[in-house]
C-alpha cells in the first residue's frame, strides 16, 4: 500500500492532490494431518486518486474516485469469483497543527460480480455506499510533498 499527497501547506485556496494504490495476492490452503492442499488463489487491486481544495486555512473539501477489482480462482472444483467496483467519495478533512488531521468521507457507487460453480453462473450488480472516519498525520518530505499515514474505520 502506498500513500502520498501533494500540496503546499494547509492555507485557503491551496489544492490537495494524492491517492492510494493497493495490490494483494493470496493462496488459500488447507491442511489435514500432514497433507497440505492448495484450494485456490485470490488477487485484488485498487486505485483511488483524490483531490481537494482548502476553503479556509486547515479545512479541505474534496473527493476520491475509488476503483477496485478482485478475483478468486479455485484449483480444481470450487466457485470462481470476479468482481469490480467504482465509487465516488466526497470527503472533508481538517488539519490541526503540526499536521494531525481528521477526515470524514461518504461514498456512492456500484459493484458488479460474477461467480461460477460448475455449469452455474450468477451475475449481480449492487449499489453501494460507504462511510469512513479516521485520523492521520502529514509528514512533510519538502514544501510540496507529504506522506500521510492514516488509520480509520470504514
Protein backbone atom coordinates (compact mmCIF):
# COMPACT_ATOMS: atom_id res chain seq x y z
CA UNK A 1 0.00 0.00 0.00
CA UNK A 2 1.40 3.39 -0.98
CA UNK A 3 0.00 6.76 0.00
CA UNK A 4 1.13 10.25 -0.92
CA UNK A 5 -0.38 13.69 -1.13
CA UNK A 6 0.95 16.77 -2.86
CA UNK A 7 0.20 20.24 -1.57
CA UNK A 8 1.82 23.46 -0.39
CA UNK A 9 0.71 23.79 3.26
CA UNK A 10 -2.85 23.95 4.57
CA UNK A 11 -3.78 27.50 3.52
CA UNK A 12 -7.01 28.76 1.97
CA UNK A 13 -7.17 28.35 -1.87
CA UNK A 14 -4.47 25.63 -1.80
CA UNK A 15 -5.14 22.42 -3.75
CA UNK A 16 -4.64 18.97 -2.26
CA UNK A 17 -3.91 16.02 -4.59
CA UNK A 18 -2.95 12.44 -3.86
CA UNK A 19 -4.18 8.91 -3.80
CA UNK A 20 -3.79 5.30 -2.83
CA UNK A 21 -2.78 2.17 -4.71
CA UNK A 22 -3.16 -1.32 -3.28
CA UNK A 23 -2.44 -4.80 -4.64
CA UNK A 24 -2.75 -8.10 -2.84
CA UNK A 25 -2.49 -11.74 -3.71
CA UNK A 26 -3.01 -14.76 -1.51
CA UNK A 27 -3.13 -18.53 -1.71
CA UNK A 28 -5.90 -20.45 0.06
CA UNK A 29 -4.56 -23.68 1.57
CA UNK A 30 -5.92 -26.29 3.94
CA UNK A 31 -4.03 -28.88 5.95
CA UNK A 32 -5.44 -32.20 7.10
CA UNK A 33 -2.99 -34.27 9.14
CA UNK A 34 0.29 -33.86 7.21
CA UNK A 35 -1.26 -33.20 3.77
CA UNK A 36 -1.48 -29.59 2.57
CA UNK A 37 -3.86 -28.83 -0.30
CA UNK A 38 -3.98 -25.61 -2.32
CA UNK A 39 -7.66 -24.65 -2.73
CA UNK A 40 -7.27 -21.52 -4.85
CA UNK A 41 -5.74 -18.09 -5.34
CA UNK A 42 -7.16 -14.62 -4.71
CA UNK A 43 -5.98 -11.34 -6.22
CA UNK A 44 -7.18 -7.77 -5.70
CA UNK A 45 -6.16 -4.34 -7.00
CA UNK A 46 -7.47 -0.88 -6.14
CA UNK A 47 -6.70 2.65 -7.27
CA UNK A 48 -8.06 5.74 -5.54
CA UNK A 49 -6.93 9.17 -6.77
CA UNK A 50 -8.21 12.13 -4.76
CA UNK A 51 -8.20 15.91 -4.91
CA UNK A 52 -9.32 18.62 -2.54
CA UNK A 53 -9.46 22.36 -2.05
CA UNK A 54 -8.80 24.33 1.14
CA UNK A 55 -11.84 26.57 1.56
CA UNK A 56 -10.29 28.15 4.66
CA UNK A 57 -6.97 27.55 6.41
CA UNK A 58 -6.71 23.92 7.59
CA UNK A 59 -10.13 22.84 6.16
CA UNK A 60 -10.28 20.99 2.83
CA UNK A 61 -13.23 19.60 0.88
CA UNK A 62 -12.57 17.10 -1.87
CA UNK A 63 -13.41 13.79 -3.47
CA UNK A 64 -11.87 10.44 -4.32
CA UNK A 65 -12.65 8.07 -7.16
CA UNK A 66 -12.22 4.52 -5.86
CA UNK A 67 -11.75 1.78 -8.49
CA UNK A 68 -11.28 -1.84 -7.46
CA UNK A 69 -11.17 -5.33 -8.89
CA UNK A 70 -10.81 -8.76 -7.36
CA UNK A 71 -10.86 -12.42 -8.33
CA UNK A 72 -10.67 -15.89 -6.83
CA UNK A 73 -9.58 -18.88 -8.94
CA UNK A 74 -10.03 -22.34 -7.44
CA UNK A 75 -7.61 -25.20 -8.03
CA UNK A 76 -9.88 -27.99 -9.23
CA UNK A 77 -13.54 -27.87 -8.22
CA UNK A 78 -14.86 -24.79 -6.49
CA UNK A 79 -16.52 -21.48 -7.03
CA UNK A 80 -14.72 -18.91 -9.21
CA UNK A 81 -15.32 -15.22 -8.48
CA UNK A 82 -14.63 -11.99 -10.41
CA UNK A 83 -15.75 -8.57 -9.23
CA UNK A 84 -15.24 -4.86 -9.76
CA UNK A 85 -16.42 -1.66 -8.12
CA UNK A 86 -16.40 2.08 -8.74
CA UNK A 87 -17.20 4.59 -6.00
CA UNK A 88 -17.28 8.41 -5.93
CA UNK A 89 -16.44 9.52 -2.39
CA UNK A 90 -16.54 13.19 -1.28
CA UNK A 91 -14.56 13.98 1.88
CA UNK A 92 -13.91 16.72 4.40
CA UNK A 93 -10.54 16.97 6.13
CA UNK A 94 -9.43 19.23 8.97
CA UNK A 95 -5.76 19.72 9.93
CA UNK A 96 -4.56 20.58 13.42
CA UNK A 97 -1.10 22.00 13.90
CA UNK A 98 1.50 20.48 13.43
CA UNK A 99 -0.08 18.17 10.83
CA UNK A 100 -2.53 15.86 12.56
CA UNK A 101 -5.77 15.65 10.57
CA UNK A 102 -9.26 14.22 10.89
CA UNK A 103 -11.22 13.06 7.86
CA UNK A 104 -14.81 12.02 7.16
CA UNK A 105 -15.89 10.53 3.85
CA UNK A 106 -19.09 9.24 2.26
CA UNK A 107 -19.10 7.27 -0.98
CA UNK A 108 -21.68 6.11 -3.51
CA UNK A 109 -21.05 3.65 -6.29
CA UNK A 110 -21.69 0.33 -7.97
CA UNK A 111 -20.28 -3.15 -7.65
CA UNK A 112 -20.55 -5.98 -10.18
CA UNK A 113 -19.64 -9.58 -9.52
CA UNK A 114 -19.79 -12.88 -11.32
CA UNK A 115 -19.43 -16.27 -9.65
CA UNK A 116 -19.26 -19.62 -11.39
CA UNK A 117 -19.62 -23.05 -9.85
CA UNK A 118 -19.66 -25.92 -12.32
CA UNK A 119 -22.14 -25.02 -15.08
CA UNK A 120 -23.96 -22.41 -12.97
CA UNK A 121 -23.06 -18.73 -13.30
CA UNK A 122 -24.52 -15.93 -11.18
CA UNK A 123 -24.07 -12.26 -12.05
CA UNK A 124 -25.00 -9.47 -9.64
CA UNK A 125 -24.93 -5.69 -9.68
CA UNK A 126 -25.21 -3.72 -6.44
CA UNK A 127 -25.49 -0.10 -5.45
CA UNK A 128 -23.03 0.53 -2.64
CA UNK A 129 -22.45 3.26 -0.10
CA UNK A 130 -19.55 3.70 2.30
CA UNK A 131 -18.87 5.85 5.33
CA UNK A 132 -15.40 6.29 6.80
CA UNK A 133 -13.89 8.28 9.64
CA UNK A 134 -10.24 8.49 10.54
CA UNK A 135 -7.20 10.34 11.75
CA UNK A 136 -3.80 10.81 10.12
CA UNK A 137 -0.57 12.73 10.21
CA UNK A 138 1.08 14.82 7.47
CA UNK A 139 4.85 14.17 7.46
CA UNK A 140 6.41 16.66 5.02
CA UNK A 141 9.29 15.47 2.85
CA UNK A 142 9.66 19.02 1.43
CA UNK A 143 7.50 22.13 0.98
CA UNK A 144 5.18 20.40 -1.51
CA UNK A 145 5.14 16.66 -0.73
CA UNK A 146 3.93 14.85 2.37
CA UNK A 147 3.40 11.23 3.34
CA UNK A 148 0.20 10.83 5.32
CA UNK A 149 -0.22 7.63 7.35
CA UNK A 150 -3.92 7.23 8.12
CA UNK A 151 -5.97 4.97 10.35
CA UNK A 152 -9.70 4.81 10.17
CA UNK A 153 -12.93 2.88 10.33
CA UNK A 154 -14.97 2.15 7.20
